[in-house]
Amino acid sequence: MAIPKKIKQLTELALKDKVLTQVERQTIVKAALEMGVPEKEIDAYIRQATDERIRTIYSKEEMTHCPYCGALTPLISNQCLHCFRDLREARNITQQIQIPRNLPLSPRPRERPQVLR
């Protein structure tokens, strides 16, 4: 099913300030569901529209992927713009993980089995 023009307009309006709040998202989803748009389709559309908007604002180096939903999120954001989960907790966990210094940087090459002829 195609996304109705009204939903596209609502999404564009919500993204004008560069942020899609949870309330704005809920409003768009509710309107889309009332128009008969399947929830998966509207979620995919909102994700795509948000990603496109984010890419126009931030460079690739300023982006990361949310550890919870995998969506593109600005590094400066404390909350995922898609699933709205707190990213500070994930960053703290990542910083607490210590890699032992005696591990090799690359795995040892595998030995090939010798073929007997």
PDB file of N, CA and C in Angstrom:
ATOM      1  N   MET A   1       0.848  -1.185   0.000  1.00  0.00           N
ATOM      2  CA  MET A   1       0.000   0.000   0.000  1.00  0.00           C
ATOM      3  C   MET A   1       0.890   1.244   0.000  1.00  0.00           C
ATOM      4  N   ALA A   2       0.521   2.208  -0.768  1.00  0.00           N
ATOM      5  CA  ALA A   2       1.267   3.471  -0.823  1.00  0.00           C
ATOM      6  C   ALA A   2       0.958   4.317   0.413  1.00  0.00           C
ATOM      7  N   ILE A   3       1.943   5.083   0.822  1.00  0.00           N
ATOM      8  CA  ILE A   3       1.765   5.977   1.970  1.00  0.00           C
ATOM      9  C   ILE A   3       0.945   7.187   1.510  1.00  0.00           C
ATOM     10  N   PRO A   4      -0.181   7.489   2.181  1.00  0.00           N
ATOM     11  CA  PRO A   4      -1.016   8.633   1.785  1.00  0.00           C
ATOM     12  C   PRO A   4      -0.264   9.967   1.874  1.00  0.00           C
ATOM     13  N   LYS A   5      -0.665  10.886   1.032  1.00  0.00           N
ATOM     14  CA  LYS A   5      -0.037  12.205   0.965  1.00  0.00           C
ATOM     15  C   LYS A   5      -0.090  12.913   2.326  1.00  0.00           C
ATOM     16  N   LYS A   6      -1.206  12.772   3.038  1.00  0.00           N
ATOM     17  CA  LYS A   6      -1.361  13.429   4.339  1.00  0.00           C
ATOM     18  C   LYS A   6      -0.303  12.930   5.329  1.00  0.00           C
ATOM     19  N   ILE A   7      -0.011  11.642   5.300  1.00  0.00           N
ATOM     20  CA  ILE A   7       0.993  11.068   6.206  1.00  0.00           C
ATOM     21  C   ILE A   7       2.377  11.590   5.843  1.00  0.00           C
ATOM     22  N   LYS A   8       2.649  11.694   4.548  1.00  0.00           N
ATOM     23  CA  LYS A   8       3.936  12.246   4.104  1.00  0.00           C
ATOM     24  C   LYS A   8       4.083  13.695   4.566  1.00  0.00           C
ATOM     25  N   GLN A   9       2.998  14.452   4.462  1.00  0.00           N
ATOM     26  CA  GLN A   9       3.027  15.858   4.889  1.00  0.00           C
ATOM     27  C   GLN A   9       3.227  15.978   6.399  1.00  0.00           C
ATOM     28  N   LEU A  10       2.528  15.132   7.157  1.00  0.00           N
ATOM     29  CA  LEU A  10       2.693  15.145   8.622  1.00  0.00           C
ATOM     30  C   LEU A  10       4.133  14.811   9.008  1.00  0.00           C
ATOM     31  N   THR A  11       4.704  13.820   8.334  1.00  0.00           N
ATOM     32  CA  THR A  11       6.080  13.412   8.631  1.00  0.00           C
ATOM     33  C   THR A  11       7.057  14.527   8.287  1.00  0.00           C
ATOM     34  N   GLU A  12       6.870  15.141   7.127  1.00  0.00           N
ATOM     35  CA  GLU A  12       7.744  16.248   6.713  1.00  0.00           C
ATOM     36  C   GLU A  12       7.653  17.408   7.707  1.00  0.00           C
ATOM     37  N   LEU A  13       6.453  17.720   8.142  1.00  0.00           N
ATOM     38  CA  LEU A  13       6.248  18.796   9.111  1.00  0.00           C
ATOM     39  C   LEU A  13       6.928  18.466  10.445  1.00  0.00           C
ATOM     40  N   ALA A  14       6.776  17.217  10.878  1.00  0.00           N
ATOM     41  CA  ALA A  14       7.373  16.800  12.148  1.00  0.00           C
ATOM     42  C   ALA A  14       8.900  16.842  12.095  1.00  0.00           C
ATOM     43  N   LEU A  15       9.477  16.593  10.925  1.00  0.00           N
ATOM     44  CA  LEU A  15      10.937  16.559  10.797  1.00  0.00           C
ATOM     45  C   LEU A  15      11.559  17.918  10.466  1.00  0.00           C
ATOM     46  N   LYS A  16      10.736  18.943  10.300  1.00  0.00           N
ATOM     47  CA  LYS A  16      11.278  20.274   9.978  1.00  0.00           C
ATOM     48  C   LYS A  16      12.244  20.777  11.035  1.00  0.00           C
ATOM     49  N   ASP A  17      11.968  20.470  12.293  1.00  0.00           N
ATOM     50  CA  ASP A  17      12.853  20.933  13.373  1.00  0.00           C
ATOM     51  C   ASP A  17      13.999  19.947  13.631  1.00  0.00           C
ATOM     52  N   LYS A  18      14.186  18.984  12.727  1.00  0.00           N
ATOM     53  CA  LYS A  18      15.293  18.019  12.753  1.00  0.00           C
ATOM     54  C   LYS A  18      15.123  16.912  13.781  1.00  0.00           C
ATOM     55  N   VAL A  19      14.007  16.903  14.508  1.00  0.00           N
ATOM     56  CA  VAL A  19      13.778  15.893  15.535  1.00  0.00           C
ATOM     57  C   VAL A  19      12.359  15.360  15.408  1.00  0.00           C
ATOM     58  N   LEU A  20      12.208  14.066  15.490  1.00  0.00           N
ATOM     59  CA  LEU A  20      10.888  13.448  15.512  1.00  0.00           C
ATOM     60  C   LEU A  20      10.651  12.973  16.937  1.00  0.00           C
ATOM     61  N   THR A  21       9.780  13.672  17.655  1.00  0.00           N
ATOM     62  CA  THR A  21       9.521  13.295  19.050  1.00  0.00           C
ATOM     63  C   THR A  21       8.624  12.063  19.091  1.00  0.00           C
ATOM     64  N   GLN A  22       8.572  11.461  20.255  1.00  0.00           N
ATOM     65  CA  GLN A  22       7.734  10.279  20.425  1.00  0.00           C
ATOM     66  C   GLN A  22       6.258  10.640  20.213  1.00  0.00           C
ATOM     67  N   VAL A  23       5.842  11.801  20.663  1.00  0.00           N
ATOM     68  CA  VAL A  23       4.454  12.242  20.490  1.00  0.00           C
ATOM     69  C   VAL A  23       4.145  12.451  19.006  1.00  0.00           C
ATOM     70  N   GLU A  24       5.072  13.084  18.284  1.00  0.00           N
ATOM     71  CA  GLU A  24       4.876  13.279  16.838  1.00  0.00           C
ATOM     72  C   GLU A  24       4.774  11.937  16.124  1.00  0.00           C
ATOM     73  N   ARG A  25       5.643  11.017  16.501  1.00  0.00           N
ATOM     74  CA  ARG A  25       5.612   9.685  15.881  1.00  0.00           C
ATOM     75  C   ARG A  25       4.275   8.985  16.150  1.00  0.00           C
ATOM     76  N   GLN A  26       3.827   9.044  17.394  1.00  0.00           N
ATOM     77  CA  GLN A  26       2.552   8.409  17.748  1.00  0.00           C
ATOM     78  C   GLN A  26       1.395   9.024  16.973  1.00  0.00           C
ATOM     79  N   THR A  27       1.424  10.340  16.787  1.00  0.00           N
ATOM     80  CA  THR A  27       0.374  11.033  16.037  1.00  0.00           C
ATOM     81  C   THR A  27       0.353  10.560  14.580  1.00  0.00           C
ATOM     82  N   ILE A  28       1.534  10.443  13.971  1.00  0.00           N
ATOM     83  CA  ILE A  28       1.632  10.010  12.575  1.00  0.00           C
ATOM     84  C   ILE A  28       1.155   8.563  12.440  1.00  0.00           C
ATOM     85  N   VAL A  29       1.601   7.708  13.335  1.00  0.00           N
ATOM     86  CA  VAL A  29       1.205   6.295  13.283  1.00  0.00           C
ATOM     87  C   VAL A  29      -0.303   6.149  13.469  1.00  0.00           C
ATOM     88  N   LYS A  30      -0.863   6.877  14.416  1.00  0.00           N
ATOM     89  CA  LYS A  30      -2.313   6.808  14.665  1.00  0.00           C
ATOM     90  C   LYS A  30      -3.090   7.233  13.417  1.00  0.00           C
ATOM     91  N   ALA A  31      -2.674   8.350  12.799  1.00  0.00           N
ATOM     92  CA  ALA A  31      -3.360   8.829  11.587  1.00  0.00           C
ATOM     93  C   ALA A  31      -3.234   7.811  10.455  1.00  0.00           C
ATOM     94  N   ALA A  32      -2.069   7.209  10.319  1.00  0.00           N
ATOM     95  CA  ALA A  32      -1.848   6.221   9.255  1.00  0.00           C
ATOM     96  C   ALA A  32      -2.705   4.972   9.478  1.00  0.00           C
ATOM     97  N   LEU A  33      -2.778   4.520  10.716  1.00  0.00           N
ATOM     98  CA  LEU A  33      -3.595   3.347  11.016  1.00  0.00           C
ATOM     99  C   LEU A  33      -5.071   3.615  10.735  1.00  0.00           C
ATOM    100  N   GLU A  34      -5.519   4.825  11.042  1.00  0.00           N
ATOM    101  CA  GLU A  34      -6.911   5.197  10.759  1.00  0.00           C
ATOM    102  C   GLU A  34      -7.187   5.218   9.259  1.00  0.00           C
ATOM    103  N   MET A  35      -6.139   5.465   8.460  1.00  0.00           N
ATOM    104  CA  MET A  35      -6.283   5.470   6.997  1.00  0.00           C
ATOM    105  C   MET A  35      -6.084   4.075   6.402  1.00  0.00           C
ATOM    106  N   GLY A  36      -5.810   3.099   7.260  1.00  0.00           N
ATOM    107  CA  GLY A  36      -5.668   1.726   6.794  1.00  0.00           C
ATOM    108  C   GLY A  36      -4.268   1.326   6.377  1.00  0.00           C
ATOM    109  N   VAL A  37      -3.286   2.148   6.701  1.00  0.00           N
ATOM    110  CA  VAL A  37      -1.902   1.797   6.375  1.00  0.00           C
ATOM    111  C   VAL A  37      -1.411   0.782   7.407  1.00  0.00           C
ATOM    112  N   PRO A  38      -0.861  -0.356   6.960  1.00  0.00           N
ATOM    113  CA  PRO A  38      -0.348  -1.344   7.916  1.00  0.00           C
ATOM    114  C   PRO A  38       0.780  -0.753   8.769  1.00  0.00           C
ATOM    115  N   GLU A  39       0.823  -1.163  10.025  1.00  0.00           N
ATOM    116  CA  GLU A  39       1.797  -0.604  10.965  1.00  0.00           C
ATOM    117  C   GLU A  39       3.244  -0.814  10.505  1.00  0.00           C
ATOM    118  N   LYS A  40       3.524  -1.969   9.938  1.00  0.00           N
ATOM    119  CA  LYS A  40       4.894  -2.232   9.455  1.00  0.00           C
ATOM    120  C   LYS A  40       5.281  -1.247   8.359  1.00  0.00           C
ATOM    121  N   GLU A  41       4.351  -0.935   7.484  1.00  0.00           N
ATOM    122  CA  GLU A  41       4.639   0.001   6.389  1.00  0.00           C
ATOM    123  C   GLU A  41       4.897   1.409   6.913  1.00  0.00           C
ATOM    124  N   ILE A  42       4.085   1.854   7.847  1.00  0.00           N
ATOM    125  CA  ILE A  42       4.269   3.207   8.360  1.00  0.00           C
ATOM    126  C   ILE A  42       5.553   3.290   9.172  1.00  0.00           C
ATOM    127  N   ASP A  43       5.883   2.238   9.924  1.00  0.00           N
ATOM    128  CA  ASP A  43       7.148   2.223  10.666  1.00  0.00           C
ATOM    129  C   ASP A  43       8.336   2.307   9.709  1.00  0.00           C
ATOM    130  N   ALA A  44       8.286   1.537   8.628  1.00  0.00           N
ATOM    131  CA  ALA A  44       9.372   1.560   7.643  1.00  0.00           C
ATOM    132  C   ALA A  44       9.472   2.938   6.987  1.00  0.00           C
ATOM    133  N   TYR A  45       8.335   3.538   6.677  1.00  0.00           N
ATOM    134  CA  TYR A  45       8.341   4.862   6.055  1.00  0.00           C
ATOM    135  C   TYR A  45       8.930   5.915   6.996  1.00  0.00           C
ATOM    136  N   ILE A  46       8.511   5.887   8.249  1.00  0.00           N
ATOM    137  CA  ILE A  46       9.014   6.860   9.222  1.00  0.00           C
ATOM    138  C   ILE A  46      10.518   6.676   9.416  1.00  0.00           C
ATOM    139  N   ARG A  47      10.964   5.439   9.496  1.00  0.00           N
ATOM    140  CA  ARG A  47      12.401   5.175   9.659  1.00  0.00           C
ATOM    141  C   ARG A  47      13.177   5.721   8.465  1.00  0.00           C
ATOM    142  N   GLN A  48      12.679   5.461   7.267  1.00  0.00           N
ATOM    143  CA  GLN A  48      13.351   5.934   6.054  1.00  0.00           C
ATOM    144  C   GLN A  48      13.386   7.468   6.019  1.00  0.00           C
ATOM    145  N   ALA A  49      12.269   8.101   6.318  1.00  0.00           N
ATOM    146  CA  ALA A  49      12.199   9.566   6.290  1.00  0.00           C
ATOM    147  C   ALA A  49      13.130  10.180   7.332  1.00  0.00           C
ATOM    148  N   THR A  50      13.170   9.586   8.506  1.00  0.00           N
ATOM    149  CA  THR A  50      14.045  10.086   9.564  1.00  0.00           C
ATOM    150  C   THR A  50      15.511   9.905   9.177  1.00  0.00           C
ATOM    151  N   ASP A  51      15.853   8.731   8.639  1.00  0.00           N
ATOM    152  CA  ASP A  51      17.231   8.481   8.205  1.00  0.00           C
ATOM    153  C   ASP A  51      17.665   9.471   7.127  1.00  0.00           C
ATOM    154  N   GLU A  52      16.790   9.734   6.167  1.00  0.00           N
ATOM    155  CA  GLU A  52      17.119  10.694   5.109  1.00  0.00           C
ATOM    156  C   GLU A  52      17.351  12.084   5.689  1.00  0.00           C
ATOM    157  N   ARG A  53      16.519  12.477   6.634  1.00  0.00           N
ATOM    158  CA  ARG A  53      16.662  13.800   7.257  1.00  0.00           C
ATOM    159  C   ARG A  53      17.963  13.882   8.045  1.00  0.00           C
ATOM    160  N   ILE A  54      18.270  12.836   8.779  1.00  0.00           N
ATOM    161  CA  ILE A  54      19.487  12.805   9.585  1.00  0.00           C
ATOM    162  C   ILE A  54      20.722  12.899   8.687  1.00  0.00           C
ATOM    163  N   ARG A  55      20.696  12.193   7.557  1.00  0.00           N
ATOM    164  CA  ARG A  55      21.847  12.199   6.641  1.00  0.00           C
ATOM    165  C   ARG A  55      22.101  13.578   6.036  1.00  0.00           C
ATOM    166  N   THR A  56      21.065  14.410   5.954  1.00  0.00           N
ATOM    167  CA  THR A  56      21.269  15.762   5.420  1.00  0.00           C
ATOM    168  C   THR A  56      21.869  16.692   6.464  1.00  0.00           C
ATOM    169  N   ILE A  57      21.809  16.302   7.728  1.00  0.00           N
ATOM    170  CA  ILE A  57      22.284  17.146   8.816  1.00  0.00           C
ATOM    171  C   ILE A  57      23.686  16.733   9.289  1.00  0.00           C
ATOM    172  N   TYR A  58      23.909  15.426   9.414  1.00  0.00           N
ATOM    173  CA  TYR A  58      25.153  14.912   9.985  1.00  0.00           C
ATOM    174  C   TYR A  58      25.968  14.172   8.932  1.00  0.00           C
ATOM    175  N   SER A  59      27.289  14.220   9.089  1.00  0.00           N
ATOM    176  CA  SER A  59      28.165  13.454   8.202  1.00  0.00           C
ATOM    177  C   SER A  59      28.216  12.005   8.687  1.00  0.00           C
ATOM    178  N   LYS A  60      28.765  11.142   7.856  1.00  0.00           N
ATOM    179  CA  LYS A  60      28.860   9.721   8.196  1.00  0.00           C
ATOM    180  C   LYS A  60      29.670   9.516   9.485  1.00  0.00           C
ATOM    181  N   GLU A  61      30.685  10.342   9.672  1.00  0.00           N
ATOM    182  CA  GLU A  61      31.541  10.224  10.857  1.00  0.00           C
ATOM    183  C   GLU A  61      30.813  10.640  12.134  1.00  0.00           C
ATOM    184  N   GLU A  62      29.752  11.407  11.996  1.00  0.00           N
ATOM    185  CA  GLU A  62      28.994  11.881  13.155  1.00  0.00           C
ATOM    186  C   GLU A  62      27.828  10.957  13.497  1.00  0.00           C
ATOM    187  N   MET A  63      27.762   9.819  12.828  1.00  0.00           N
ATOM    188  CA  MET A  63      26.643   8.889  13.007  1.00  0.00           C
ATOM    189  C   MET A  63      27.113   7.571  13.614  1.00  0.00           C
ATOM    190  N   THR A  64      26.190   6.904  14.261  1.00  0.00           N
ATOM    191  CA  THR A  64      26.432   5.569  14.773  1.00  0.00           C
ATOM    192  C   THR A  64      25.123   4.789  14.648  1.00  0.00           C
ATOM    193  N   HIS A  65      25.168   3.499  14.925  1.00  0.00           N
ATOM    194  CA  HIS A  65      23.953   2.682  14.894  1.00  0.00           C
ATOM    195  C   HIS A  65      23.497   2.426  16.322  1.00  0.00           C
ATOM    196  N   CYS A  66      22.207   2.524  16.533  1.00  0.00           N
ATOM    197  CA  CYS A  66      21.631   2.241  17.847  1.00  0.00           C
ATOM    198  C   CYS A  66      21.898   0.773  18.184  1.00  0.00           C
ATOM    199  N   PRO A  67      22.420   0.483  19.390  1.00  0.00           N
ATOM    200  CA  PRO A  67      22.687  -0.913  19.751  1.00  0.00           C
ATOM    201  C   PRO A  67      21.414  -1.721  19.998  1.00  0.00           C
ATOM    202  N   TYR A  68      20.277  -1.059  20.103  1.00  0.00           N
ATOM    203  CA  TYR A  68      19.023  -1.744  20.390  1.00  0.00           C
ATOM    204  C   TYR A  68      18.224  -2.068  19.120  1.00  0.00           C
ATOM    205  N   CYS A  69      18.105  -1.074  18.212  1.00  0.00           N
ATOM    206  CA  CYS A  69      17.279  -1.301  17.019  1.00  0.00           C
ATOM    207  C   CYS A  69      18.076  -1.226  15.718  1.00  0.00           C
ATOM    208  N   GLY A  70      19.326  -0.760  15.780  1.00  0.00           N
ATOM    209  CA  GLY A  70      20.174  -0.712  14.596  1.00  0.00           C
ATOM    210  C   GLY A  70      19.991   0.519  13.723  1.00  0.00           C
ATOM    211  N   ALA A  71      19.140   1.427  14.106  1.00  0.00           N
ATOM    212  CA  ALA A  71      18.877   2.624  13.302  1.00  0.00           C
ATOM    213  C   ALA A  71      20.034   3.613  13.402  1.00  0.00           C
ATOM    214  N   LEU A  72      20.202   4.420  12.341  1.00  0.00           N
ATOM    215  CA  LEU A  72      21.217   5.466  12.366  1.00  0.00           C
ATOM    216  C   LEU A  72      20.840   6.522  13.392  1.00  0.00           C
ATOM    217  N   THR A  73      21.819   6.908  14.191  1.00  0.00           N
ATOM    218  CA  THR A  73      21.590   7.886  15.247  1.00  0.00           C
ATOM    219  C   THR A  73      22.810   8.794  15.339  1.00  0.00           C
ATOM    220  N   PRO A  74      22.621  10.087  15.513  1.00  0.00           N
ATOM    221  CA  PRO A  74      23.769  10.978  15.688  1.00  0.00           C
ATOM    222  C   PRO A  74      24.557  10.616  16.949  1.00  0.00           C
ATOM    223  N   LEU A  75      25.876  10.729  16.877  1.00  0.00           N
ATOM    224  CA  LEU A  75      26.716  10.432  18.034  1.00  0.00           C
ATOM    225  C   LEU A  75      26.380  11.312  19.230  1.00  0.00           C
ATOM    226  N   ILE A  76      25.931  12.529  18.983  1.00  0.00           N
ATOM    227  CA  ILE A  76      25.649  13.456  20.085  1.00  0.00           C
ATOM    228  C   ILE A  76      24.317  13.177  20.774  1.00  0.00           C
ATOM    229  N   SER A  77      23.522  12.288  20.201  1.00  0.00           N
ATOM    230  CA  SER A  77      22.194  12.014  20.753  1.00  0.00           C
ATOM    231  C   SER A  77      22.282  11.090  21.958  1.00  0.00           C
ATOM    232  N   ASN A  78      21.512  11.392  22.979  1.00  0.00           N
ATOM    233  CA  ASN A  78      21.436  10.534  24.160  1.00  0.00           C
ATOM    234  C   ASN A  78      20.275   9.549  24.069  1.00  0.00           C
ATOM    235  N   GLN A  79      19.451   9.711  23.043  1.00  0.00           N
ATOM    236  CA  GLN A  79      18.278   8.864  22.877  1.00  0.00           C
ATOM    237  C   GLN A  79      18.153   8.506  21.404  1.00  0.00           C
ATOM    238  N   CYS A  80      17.837   7.247  21.116  1.00  0.00           N
ATOM    239  CA  CYS A  80      17.651   6.824  19.733  1.00  0.00           C
ATOM    240  C   CYS A  80      16.430   7.542  19.149  1.00  0.00           C
ATOM    241  N   LEU A  81      16.578   8.006  17.924  1.00  0.00           N
ATOM    242  CA  LEU A  81      15.485   8.724  17.276  1.00  0.00           C
ATOM    243  C   LEU A  81      14.398   7.790  16.743  1.00  0.00           C
ATOM    244  N   HIS A  82      14.650   6.492  16.799  1.00  0.00           N
ATOM    245  CA  HIS A  82      13.672   5.519  16.297  1.00  0.00           C
ATOM    246  C   HIS A  82      12.977   4.749  17.412  1.00  0.00           C
ATOM    247  N   CYS A  83      13.773   4.156  18.304  1.00  0.00           N
ATOM    248  CA  CYS A  83      13.160   3.347  19.374  1.00  0.00           C
ATOM    249  C   CYS A  83      13.080   4.108  20.702  1.00  0.00           C
ATOM    250  N   PHE A  84      13.689   5.305  20.752  1.00  0.00           N
ATOM    251  CA  PHE A  84      13.636   6.202  21.904  1.00  0.00           C
ATOM    252  C   PHE A  84      14.289   5.629  23.164  1.00  0.00           C
ATOM    253  N   ARG A  85      15.167   4.627  22.991  1.00  0.00           N
ATOM    254  CA  ARG A  85      15.868   4.078  24.157  1.00  0.00           C
ATOM    255  C   ARG A  85      17.070   4.944  24.495  1.00  0.00           C
ATOM    256  N   ASP A  86      17.443   4.930  25.747  1.00  0.00           N
ATOM    257  CA  ASP A  86      18.550   5.742  26.242  1.00  0.00           C
ATOM    258  C   ASP A  86      19.876   5.129  25.792  1.00  0.00           C
ATOM    259  N   LEU A  87      20.665   5.909  25.064  1.00  0.00           N
ATOM    260  CA  LEU A  87      21.932   5.422  24.527  1.00  0.00           C
ATOM    261  C   LEU A  87      23.088   5.583  25.513  1.00  0.00           C
ATOM    262  N   ARG A  88      22.902   6.391  26.539  1.00  0.00           N
ATOM    263  CA  ARG A  88      23.973   6.601  27.519  1.00  0.00           C
ATOM    264  C   ARG A  88      24.312   5.308  28.240  1.00  0.00           C
ATOM    265  N   GLU A  89      23.307   4.506  28.551  1.00  0.00           N
ATOM    266  CA  GLU A  89      23.536   3.237  29.242  1.00  0.00           C
ATOM    267  C   GLU A  89      24.380   2.302  28.376  1.00  0.00           C
ATOM    268  N   ALA A  90      24.048   2.222  27.098  1.00  0.00           N
ATOM    269  CA  ALA A  90      24.809   1.363  26.185  1.00  0.00           C
ATOM    270  C   ALA A  90      26.254   1.838  26.067  1.00  0.00           C
ATOM    271  N   ARG A  91      26.468   3.158  26.018  1.00  0.00           N
ATOM    272  CA  ARG A  91      27.837   3.697  25.943  1.00  0.00           C
ATOM    273  C   ARG A  91      28.619   3.367  27.201  1.00  0.00           C
ATOM    274  N   ASN A  92      27.968   3.449  28.369  1.00  0.00           N
ATOM    275  CA  ASN A  92      28.648   3.132  29.630  1.00  0.00           C
ATOM    276  C   ASN A  92      29.069   1.673  29.672  1.00  0.00           C
ATOM    277  N   ILE A  93      28.211   0.785  29.203  1.00  0.00           N
ATOM    278  CA  ILE A  93      28.535  -0.637  29.179  1.00  0.00           C
ATOM    279  C   ILE A  93      29.718  -0.876  28.253  1.00  0.00           C
ATOM    280  N   THR A  94      29.706  -0.257  27.089  1.00  0.00           N
ATOM    281  CA  THR A  94      30.786  -0.417  26.122  1.00  0.00           C
ATOM    282  C   THR A  94      32.100   0.077  26.700  1.00  0.00           C
ATOM    283  N   GLN A  95      32.078   1.180  27.423  1.00  0.00           N
ATOM    284  CA  GLN A  95      33.293   1.733  28.005  1.00  0.00           C
ATOM    285  C   GLN A  95      33.829   0.865  29.139  1.00  0.00           C
ATOM    286  N   GLN A  96      32.947   0.114  29.802  1.00  0.00           N
ATOM    287  CA  GLN A  96      33.372  -0.729  30.915  1.00  0.00           C
ATOM    288  C   GLN A  96      34.036  -2.021  30.446  1.00  0.00           C
ATOM    289  N   ILE A  97      33.777  -2.416  29.211  1.00  0.00           N
ATOM    290  CA  ILE A  97      34.354  -3.660  28.695  1.00  0.00           C
ATOM    291  C   ILE A  97      35.833  -3.418  28.428  1.00  0.00           C
ATOM    292  N   GLN A  98      36.676  -4.214  29.038  1.00  0.00           N
ATOM    293  CA  GLN A  98      38.124  -4.083  28.877  1.00  0.00           C
ATOM    294  C   GLN A  98      38.622  -5.241  28.013  1.00  0.00           C
ATOM    295  N   ILE A  99      39.413  -4.929  27.014  1.00  0.00           N
ATOM    296  CA  ILE A  99      39.995  -5.961  26.162  1.00  0.00           C
ATOM    297  C   ILE A  99      41.368  -6.296  26.731  1.00  0.00           C
ATOM    298  N   PRO A 100      41.622  -7.570  27.033  1.00  0.00           N
ATOM    299  CA  PRO A 100      42.937  -7.943  27.559  1.00  0.00           C
ATOM    300  C   PRO A 100      44.050  -7.563  26.580  1.00  0.00           C
ATOM    301  N   ARG A 101      45.143  -7.077  27.106  1.00  0.00           N
ATOM    302  CA  ARG A 101      46.236  -6.597  26.261  1.00  0.00           C
ATOM    303  C   ARG A 101      47.047  -7.726  25.627  1.00  0.00           C
ATOM    304  N   ASN A 102      46.976  -8.926  26.160  1.00  0.00           N
ATOM    305  CA  ASN A 102      47.793 -10.001  25.630  1.00  0.00           C
ATOM    306  C   ASN A 102      47.134 -10.763  24.481  1.00  0.00           C
ATOM    307  N   LEU A 103      45.958 -10.340  24.050  1.00  0.00           N
ATOM    308  CA  LEU A 103      45.314 -11.002  22.922  1.00  0.00           C
ATOM    309  C   LEU A 103      45.953 -10.558  21.619  1.00  0.00           C
ATOM    310  N   PRO A 104      46.112 -11.487  20.673  1.00  0.00           N
ATOM    311  CA  PRO A 104      46.663 -11.084  19.377  1.00  0.00           C
ATOM    312  C   PRO A 104      45.664 -10.199  18.630  1.00  0.00           C
ATOM    313  N   LEU A 105      46.170  -9.302  17.806  1.00  0.00           N
ATOM    314  CA  LEU A 105      45.301  -8.403  17.067  1.00  0.00           C
ATOM    315  C   LEU A 105      44.562  -9.110  15.941  1.00  0.00           C
ATOM    316  N   SER A 106      45.156 -10.143  15.407  1.00  0.00           N
ATOM    317  CA  SER A 106      44.487 -10.890  14.350  1.00  0.00           C
ATOM    318  C   SER A 106      44.597 -12.372  14.671  1.00  0.00           C
ATOM    319  N   PRO A 107      43.640 -13.146  14.206  1.00  0.00           N
ATOM    320  CA  PRO A 107      43.702 -14.580  14.500  1.00  0.00           C
ATOM    321  C   PRO A 107      44.878 -15.220  13.770  1.00  0.00           C
ATOM    322  N   ARG A 108      45.350 -16.302  14.316  1.00  0.00           N
ATOM    323  CA  ARG A 108      46.423 -17.045  13.658  1.00  0.00           C
ATOM    324  C   ARG A 108      45.905 -17.633  12.357  1.00  0.00           C
ATOM    325  N   PRO A 109      46.756 -17.676  11.341  1.00  0.00           N
ATOM    326  CA  PRO A 109      46.299 -18.282  10.092  1.00  0.00           C
ATOM    327  C   PRO A 109      46.050 -19.774  10.289  1.00  0.00           C
ATOM    328  N   ARG A 110      45.027 -20.258   9.676  1.00  0.00           N
ATOM    329  CA  ARG A 110      44.702 -21.683   9.786  1.00  0.00           C
ATOM    330  C   ARG A 110      45.664 -22.495   8.934  1.00  0.00           C
ATOM    331  N   GLU A 111      46.041 -23.621   9.473  1.00  0.00           N
ATOM    332  CA  GLU A 111      46.896 -24.505   8.695  1.00  0.00           C
ATOM    333  C   GLU A 111      46.019 -25.329   7.775  1.00  0.00           C
ATOM    334  N   ARG A 112      46.468 -25.445   6.551  1.00  0.00           N
ATOM    335  CA  ARG A 112      45.701 -26.251   5.608  1.00  0.00           C
ATOM    336  C   ARG A 112      46.052 -27.719   5.816  1.00  0.00           C
ATOM    337  N   PRO A 113      45.041 -28.560   5.777  1.00  0.00           N
ATOM    338  CA  PRO A 113      45.347 -29.989   5.910  1.00  0.00           C
ATOM    339  C   PRO A 113      46.126 -30.462   4.686  1.00  0.00           C
ATOM    340  N   GLN A 114      47.056 -31.317   4.932  1.00  0.00           N
ATOM    341  CA  GLN A 114      47.848 -31.849   3.823  1.00  0.00           C
ATOM    342  C   GLN A 114      47.061 -32.953   3.142  1.00  0.00           C
ATOM    343  N   VAL A 115      47.078 -32.886   1.829  1.00  0.00           N
ATOM    344  CA  VAL A 115      46.378 -33.909   1.046  1.00  0.00           C
ATOM    345  C   VAL A 115      47.402 -34.967   0.663  1.00  0.00           C
ATOM    346  N   LEU A 116      47.122 -36.175   1.061  1.00  0.00           N
ATOM    347  CA  LEU A 116      48.010 -37.284   0.720  1.00  0.00           C
ATOM    348  C   LEU A 116      47.649 -37.832  -0.641  1.00  0.00           C
ATOM    349  N   ARG A 117      48.648 -38.022  -1.449  1.00  0.00           N
ATOM    350  CA  ARG A 117      48.403 -38.568  -2.805  1.00  0.00           C
ATOM    351  C   ARG A 117      49.077 -39.873  -2.991  1.00  0.00           C
TER     352      ARG A 117
END
